[in-house]
PDB file of N, CA and C in Angstrom:
ATOM      1  N   UNK A   1     -24.339 -23.573  23.303  1.00  0.00           N
ATOM      2  CA  UNK A   1     -24.718 -23.358  21.922  1.00  0.00           C
ATOM      3  C   UNK A   1     -23.871 -22.258  21.289  1.00  0.00           C
ATOM      4  N   UNK A   2     -23.752 -21.135  21.955  1.00  0.00           N
ATOM      5  CA  UNK A   2     -22.984 -20.027  21.383  1.00  0.00           C
ATOM      6  C   UNK A   2     -21.497 -20.348  21.340  1.00  0.00           C
ATOM      7  N   UNK A   3     -21.015 -21.184  22.264  1.00  0.00           N
ATOM      8  CA  UNK A   3     -19.605 -21.569  22.261  1.00  0.00           C
ATOM      9  C   UNK A   3     -19.292 -22.389  21.014  1.00  0.00           C
ATOM     10  N   UNK A   4     -20.175 -23.293  20.648  1.00  0.00           N
ATOM     11  CA  UNK A   4     -19.989 -24.099  19.444  1.00  0.00           C
ATOM     12  C   UNK A   4     -20.020 -23.216  18.210  1.00  0.00           C
ATOM     13  N   UNK A   5     -20.938 -22.295  18.166  1.00  0.00           N
ATOM     14  CA  UNK A   5     -21.040 -21.370  17.048  1.00  0.00           C
ATOM     15  C   UNK A   5     -19.788 -20.499  16.960  1.00  0.00           C
ATOM     16  N   UNK A   6     -19.275 -20.074  18.106  1.00  0.00           N
ATOM     17  CA  UNK A   6     -18.077 -19.245  18.142  1.00  0.00           C
ATOM     18  C   UNK A   6     -16.871 -20.019  17.640  1.00  0.00           C
ATOM     19  N   UNK A   7     -16.718 -21.289  18.035  1.00  0.00           N
ATOM     20  CA  UNK A   7     -15.601 -22.109  17.574  1.00  0.00           C
ATOM     21  C   UNK A   7     -15.674 -22.368  16.081  1.00  0.00           C
ATOM     22  N   UNK A   8     -16.864 -22.606  15.567  1.00  0.00           N
ATOM     23  CA  UNK A   8     -17.036 -22.829  14.134  1.00  0.00           C
ATOM     24  C   UNK A   8     -16.635 -21.581  13.354  1.00  0.00           C
ATOM     25  N   UNK A   9     -17.058 -20.443  13.838  1.00  0.00           N
ATOM     26  CA  UNK A   9     -16.704 -19.192  13.181  1.00  0.00           C
ATOM     27  C   UNK A   9     -15.195 -18.979  13.204  1.00  0.00           C
ATOM     28  N   UNK A  10     -14.589 -19.304  14.320  1.00  0.00           N
ATOM     29  CA  UNK A  10     -13.150 -19.127  14.453  1.00  0.00           C
ATOM     30  C   UNK A  10     -12.394 -20.059  13.509  1.00  0.00           C
ATOM     31  N   UNK A  11     -12.865 -21.288  13.384  1.00  0.00           N
ATOM     32  CA  UNK A  11     -12.232 -22.246  12.473  1.00  0.00           C
ATOM     33  C   UNK A  11     -12.364 -21.766  11.034  1.00  0.00           C
ATOM     34  N   UNK A  12     -13.533 -21.256  10.666  1.00  0.00           N
ATOM     35  CA  UNK A  12     -13.728 -20.743   9.312  1.00  0.00           C
ATOM     36  C   UNK A  12     -12.828 -19.543   9.053  1.00  0.00           C
ATOM     37  N   UNK A  13     -12.691 -18.692  10.049  1.00  0.00           N
ATOM     38  CA  UNK A  13     -11.843 -17.515   9.889  1.00  0.00           C
ATOM     39  C   UNK A  13     -10.382 -17.925   9.724  1.00  0.00           C
ATOM     40  N   UNK A  14      -9.951 -18.920  10.490  1.00  0.00           N
ATOM     41  CA  UNK A  14      -8.573 -19.405  10.350  1.00  0.00           C
ATOM     42  C   UNK A  14      -8.348 -20.005   8.969  1.00  0.00           C
ATOM     43  N   UNK A  15      -9.359 -20.714   8.456  1.00  0.00           N
ATOM     44  CA  UNK A  15      -9.240 -21.299   7.124  1.00  0.00           C
ATOM     45  C   UNK A  15      -9.126 -20.235   6.048  1.00  0.00           C
ATOM     46  N   UNK A  16      -9.916 -19.187   6.157  1.00  0.00           N
ATOM     47  CA  UNK A  16      -9.824 -18.079   5.185  1.00  0.00           C
ATOM     48  C   UNK A  16      -8.483 -17.370   5.294  1.00  0.00           C
ATOM     49  N   UNK A  17      -8.003 -17.192   6.523  1.00  0.00           N
ATOM     50  CA  UNK A  17      -6.713 -16.526   6.717  1.00  0.00           C
ATOM     51  C   UNK A  17      -5.581 -17.364   6.134  1.00  0.00           C
ATOM     52  N   UNK A  18      -5.647 -18.675   6.320  1.00  0.00           N
ATOM     53  CA  UNK A  18      -4.603 -19.553   5.780  1.00  0.00           C
ATOM     54  C   UNK A  18      -4.625 -19.523   4.255  1.00  0.00           C
ATOM     55  N   UNK A  19      -5.819 -19.536   3.654  1.00  0.00           N
ATOM     56  CA  UNK A  19      -5.920 -19.487   2.200  1.00  0.00           C
ATOM     57  C   UNK A  19      -5.370 -18.165   1.671  1.00  0.00           C
ATOM     58  N   UNK A  20      -5.711 -17.066   2.333  1.00  0.00           N
ATOM     59  CA  UNK A  20      -5.204 -15.753   1.920  1.00  0.00           C
ATOM     60  C   UNK A  20      -3.689 -15.699   2.021  1.00  0.00           C
ATOM     61  N   UNK A  21      -3.138 -16.249   3.084  1.00  0.00           N
ATOM     62  CA  UNK A  21      -1.683 -16.282   3.253  1.00  0.00           C
ATOM     63  C   UNK A  21      -1.030 -17.090   2.144  1.00  0.00           C
ATOM     64  N   UNK A  22      -1.619 -18.232   1.792  1.00  0.00           N
ATOM     65  CA  UNK A  22      -1.061 -19.053   0.721  1.00  0.00           C
ATOM     66  C   UNK A  22      -1.095 -18.327  -0.612  1.00  0.00           C
ATOM     67  N   UNK A  23      -2.182 -17.623  -0.887  1.00  0.00           N
ATOM     68  CA  UNK A  23      -2.291 -16.886  -2.146  1.00  0.00           C
ATOM     69  C   UNK A  23      -1.261 -15.762  -2.192  1.00  0.00           C
ATOM     70  N   UNK A  24      -1.145 -15.023  -1.087  1.00  0.00           N
ATOM     71  CA  UNK A  24      -0.205 -13.897  -1.065  1.00  0.00           C
ATOM     72  C   UNK A  24       1.246 -14.360  -1.040  1.00  0.00           C
ATOM     73  N   UNK A  25       1.487 -15.570  -0.572  1.00  0.00           N
ATOM     74  CA  UNK A  25       2.852 -16.088  -0.520  1.00  0.00           C
ATOM     75  C   UNK A  25       3.284 -16.705  -1.838  1.00  0.00           C
ATOM     76  N   UNK A  26       2.368 -16.886  -2.763  1.00  0.00           N
ATOM     77  CA  UNK A  26       2.690 -17.427  -4.075  1.00  0.00           C
ATOM     78  C   UNK A  26       3.679 -16.475  -4.762  1.00  0.00           C
ATOM     79  N   UNK A  27       4.715 -17.034  -5.374  1.00  0.00           N
ATOM     80  CA  UNK A  27       5.791 -16.228  -5.952  1.00  0.00           C
ATOM     81  C   UNK A  27       5.290 -15.294  -7.044  1.00  0.00           C
ATOM     82  N   UNK A  28       4.388 -15.783  -7.897  1.00  0.00           N
ATOM     83  CA  UNK A  28       3.866 -14.941  -8.978  1.00  0.00           C
ATOM     84  C   UNK A  28       3.069 -13.772  -8.421  1.00  0.00           C
ATOM     85  N   UNK A  29       2.319 -14.017  -7.362  1.00  0.00           N
ATOM     86  CA  UNK A  29       1.549 -12.934  -6.751  1.00  0.00           C
ATOM     87  C   UNK A  29       2.469 -11.912  -6.105  1.00  0.00           C
ATOM     88  N   UNK A  30       3.549 -12.379  -5.512  1.00  0.00           N
ATOM     89  CA  UNK A  30       4.511 -11.441  -4.923  1.00  0.00           C
ATOM     90  C   UNK A  30       5.149 -10.564  -5.995  1.00  0.00           C
ATOM     91  N   UNK A  31       5.465 -11.162  -7.128  1.00  0.00           N
ATOM     92  CA  UNK A  31       6.026 -10.371  -8.232  1.00  0.00           C
ATOM     93  C   UNK A  31       5.021  -9.331  -8.727  1.00  0.00           C
ATOM     94  N   UNK A  32       3.752  -9.728  -8.827  1.00  0.00           N
ATOM     95  CA  UNK A  32       2.721  -8.806  -9.277  1.00  0.00           C
ATOM     96  C   UNK A  32       2.549  -7.659  -8.284  1.00  0.00           C
ATOM     97  N   UNK A  33       2.545  -7.958  -6.992  1.00  0.00           N
ATOM     98  CA  UNK A  33       2.412  -6.921  -5.967  1.00  0.00           C
ATOM     99  C   UNK A  33       3.601  -5.958  -6.035  1.00  0.00           C
ATOM    100  N   UNK A  34       4.791  -6.505  -6.257  1.00  0.00           N
ATOM    101  CA  UNK A  34       5.988  -5.659  -6.370  1.00  0.00           C
ATOM    102  C   UNK A  34       5.876  -4.742  -7.594  1.00  0.00           C
ATOM    103  N   UNK A  35       5.391  -5.277  -8.712  1.00  0.00           N
ATOM    104  CA  UNK A  35       5.192  -4.470  -9.912  1.00  0.00           C
ATOM    105  C   UNK A  35       4.182  -3.364  -9.656  1.00  0.00           C
ATOM    106  N   UNK A  36       3.092  -3.707  -8.986  1.00  0.00           N
ATOM    107  CA  UNK A  36       2.052  -2.710  -8.706  1.00  0.00           C
ATOM    108  C   UNK A  36       2.593  -1.594  -7.806  1.00  0.00           C
ATOM    109  N   UNK A  37       3.468  -1.924  -6.860  1.00  0.00           N
ATOM    110  CA  UNK A  37       4.065  -0.882  -6.027  1.00  0.00           C
ATOM    111  C   UNK A  37       4.878   0.089  -6.867  1.00  0.00           C
ATOM    112  N   UNK A  38       5.620  -0.441  -7.836  1.00  0.00           N
ATOM    113  CA  UNK A  38       6.395   0.433  -8.724  1.00  0.00           C
ATOM    114  C   UNK A  38       5.472   1.312  -9.569  1.00  0.00           C
ATOM    115  N   UNK A  39       4.428   0.726 -10.114  1.00  0.00           N
ATOM    116  CA  UNK A  39       3.497   1.473 -10.964  1.00  0.00           C
ATOM    117  C   UNK A  39       2.779   2.544 -10.153  1.00  0.00           C
ATOM    118  N   UNK A  40       2.350   2.192  -8.940  1.00  0.00           N
ATOM    119  CA  UNK A  40       1.619   3.154  -8.121  1.00  0.00           C
ATOM    120  C   UNK A  40       2.493   4.326  -7.693  1.00  0.00           C
ATOM    121  N   UNK A  41       3.777   4.105  -7.528  1.00  0.00           N
ATOM    122  CA  UNK A  41       4.673   5.213  -7.177  1.00  0.00           C
ATOM    123  C   UNK A  41       4.703   6.243  -8.305  1.00  0.00           C
ATOM    124  N   UNK A  42       4.765   5.772  -9.549  1.00  0.00           N
ATOM    125  CA  UNK A  42       4.777   6.683 -10.701  1.00  0.00           C
ATOM    126  C   UNK A  42       3.423   7.372 -10.837  1.00  0.00           C
ATOM    127  N   UNK A  43       2.343   6.614 -10.667  1.00  0.00           N
ATOM    128  CA  UNK A  43       1.008   7.210 -10.783  1.00  0.00           C
ATOM    129  C   UNK A  43       0.751   8.241  -9.691  1.00  0.00           C
ATOM    130  N   UNK A  44       1.324   8.032  -8.520  1.00  0.00           N
ATOM    131  CA  UNK A  44       1.164   9.007  -7.439  1.00  0.00           C
ATOM    132  C   UNK A  44       1.806  10.337  -7.833  1.00  0.00           C
ATOM    133  N   UNK A  45       3.026  10.259  -8.368  1.00  0.00           N
ATOM    134  CA  UNK A  45       3.715  11.478  -8.789  1.00  0.00           C
ATOM    135  C   UNK A  45       2.938  12.181  -9.896  1.00  0.00           C
ATOM    136  N   UNK A  46       2.414  11.408 -10.841  1.00  0.00           N
ATOM    137  CA  UNK A  46       1.641  11.988 -11.937  1.00  0.00           C
ATOM    138  C   UNK A  46       0.345  12.616 -11.424  1.00  0.00           C
ATOM    139  N   UNK A  47      -0.298  11.958 -10.486  1.00  0.00           N
ATOM    140  CA  UNK A  47      -1.540  12.484  -9.917  1.00  0.00           C
ATOM    141  C   UNK A  47      -1.290  13.800  -9.197  1.00  0.00           C
ATOM    142  N   UNK A  48      -0.231  13.868  -8.419  1.00  0.00           N
ATOM    143  CA  UNK A  48       0.087  15.110  -7.710  1.00  0.00           C
ATOM    144  C   UNK A  48       0.424  16.231  -8.682  1.00  0.00           C
ATOM    145  N   UNK A  49       1.066  15.875  -9.795  1.00  0.00           N
ATOM    146  CA  UNK A  49       1.396  16.876 -10.803  1.00  0.00           C
ATOM    147  C   UNK A  49       0.126  17.440 -11.444  1.00  0.00           C
ATOM    148  N   UNK A  50      -0.830  16.590 -11.744  1.00  0.00           N
ATOM    149  CA  UNK A  50      -2.070  17.050 -12.364  1.00  0.00           C
ATOM    150  C   UNK A  50      -2.976  17.788 -11.385  1.00  0.00           C
ATOM    151  N   UNK A  51      -2.757  17.638 -10.101  1.00  0.00           N
ATOM    152  CA  UNK A  51      -3.589  18.328  -9.118  1.00  0.00           C
ATOM    153  C   UNK A  51      -3.159  19.778  -8.906  1.00  0.00           C
ATOM    154  N   UNK A  52      -2.029  20.140  -9.445  1.00  0.00           N
ATOM    155  CA  UNK A  52      -1.600  21.542  -9.328  1.00  0.00           C
ATOM    156  C   UNK A  52      -2.542  22.447 -10.119  1.00  0.00           C
ATOM    157  N   UNK A  53      -2.574  23.693  -9.756  1.00  0.00           N
ATOM    158  CA  UNK A  53      -3.409  24.656 -10.469  1.00  0.00           C
ATOM    159  C   UNK A  53      -2.768  25.025 -11.807  1.00  0.00           C
ATOM    160  N   UNK A  54      -3.626  25.251 -12.779  1.00  0.00           N
ATOM    161  CA  UNK A  54      -3.212  25.738 -14.100  1.00  0.00           C
ATOM    162  C   UNK A  54      -2.193  24.815 -14.778  1.00  0.00           C
ATOM    163  N   UNK A  55      -2.413  23.538 -14.725  1.00  0.00           N
ATOM    164  CA  UNK A  55      -1.489  22.611 -15.364  1.00  0.00           C
ATOM    165  C   UNK A  55      -1.985  22.290 -16.769  1.00  0.00           C
ATOM    166  N   UNK A  56      -1.074  22.222 -17.706  1.00  0.00           N
ATOM    167  CA  UNK A  56      -1.390  21.814 -19.071  1.00  0.00           C
ATOM    168  C   UNK A  56      -0.570  20.569 -19.377  1.00  0.00           C
ATOM    169  N   UNK A  57      -0.967  19.847 -20.403  1.00  0.00           N
ATOM    170  CA  UNK A  57      -0.328  18.556 -20.709  1.00  0.00           C
ATOM    171  C   UNK A  57       1.165  18.722 -21.012  1.00  0.00           C
ATOM    172  N   UNK A  58       1.528  19.753 -21.733  1.00  0.00           N
ATOM    173  CA  UNK A  58       2.948  19.953 -22.073  1.00  0.00           C
ATOM    174  C   UNK A  58       3.774  20.211 -20.816  1.00  0.00           C
ATOM    175  N   UNK A  59       3.207  20.940 -19.863  1.00  0.00           N
ATOM    176  CA  UNK A  59       3.928  21.183 -18.614  1.00  0.00           C
ATOM    177  C   UNK A  59       4.017  19.899 -17.790  1.00  0.00           C
ATOM    178  N   UNK A  60       3.013  19.057 -17.864  1.00  0.00           N
ATOM    179  CA  UNK A  60       3.046  17.805 -17.140  1.00  0.00           C
ATOM    180  C   UNK A  60       4.126  16.891 -17.723  1.00  0.00           C
ATOM    181  N   UNK A  61       4.270  16.910 -19.049  1.00  0.00           N
ATOM    182  CA  UNK A  61       5.297  16.092 -19.676  1.00  0.00           C
ATOM    183  C   UNK A  61       6.690  16.564 -19.241  1.00  0.00           C
ATOM    184  N   UNK A  62       6.884  17.854 -19.156  1.00  0.00           N
ATOM    185  CA  UNK A  62       8.177  18.388 -18.731  1.00  0.00           C
ATOM    186  C   UNK A  62       8.395  18.202 -17.241  1.00  0.00           C
ATOM    187  N   UNK A  63       7.323  18.119 -16.464  1.00  0.00           N
ATOM    188  CA  UNK A  63       7.444  17.973 -15.019  1.00  0.00           C
ATOM    189  C   UNK A  63       7.859  16.595 -14.572  1.00  0.00           C
ATOM    190  N   UNK A  64       7.678  15.597 -15.434  1.00  0.00           N
ATOM    191  CA  UNK A  64       8.072  14.245 -15.086  1.00  0.00           C
ATOM    192  C   UNK A  64       9.507  14.038 -15.458  1.00  0.00           C
TER     193      UNK A  64
END
């Protein structure tokens, strides 16, 4: 009984993994992920700049 349940679960997991792979392999999704990596790099730098002590907006503008 548990072997059948285990195989069913494994088949479902493989199906979800295959669907996820197909979605992530889609060209438009790859372009979007690449864009997000670029955006997140800039946001990381901005976040670190604002985390400094005694920062004001004008100094943040000059710091970028």
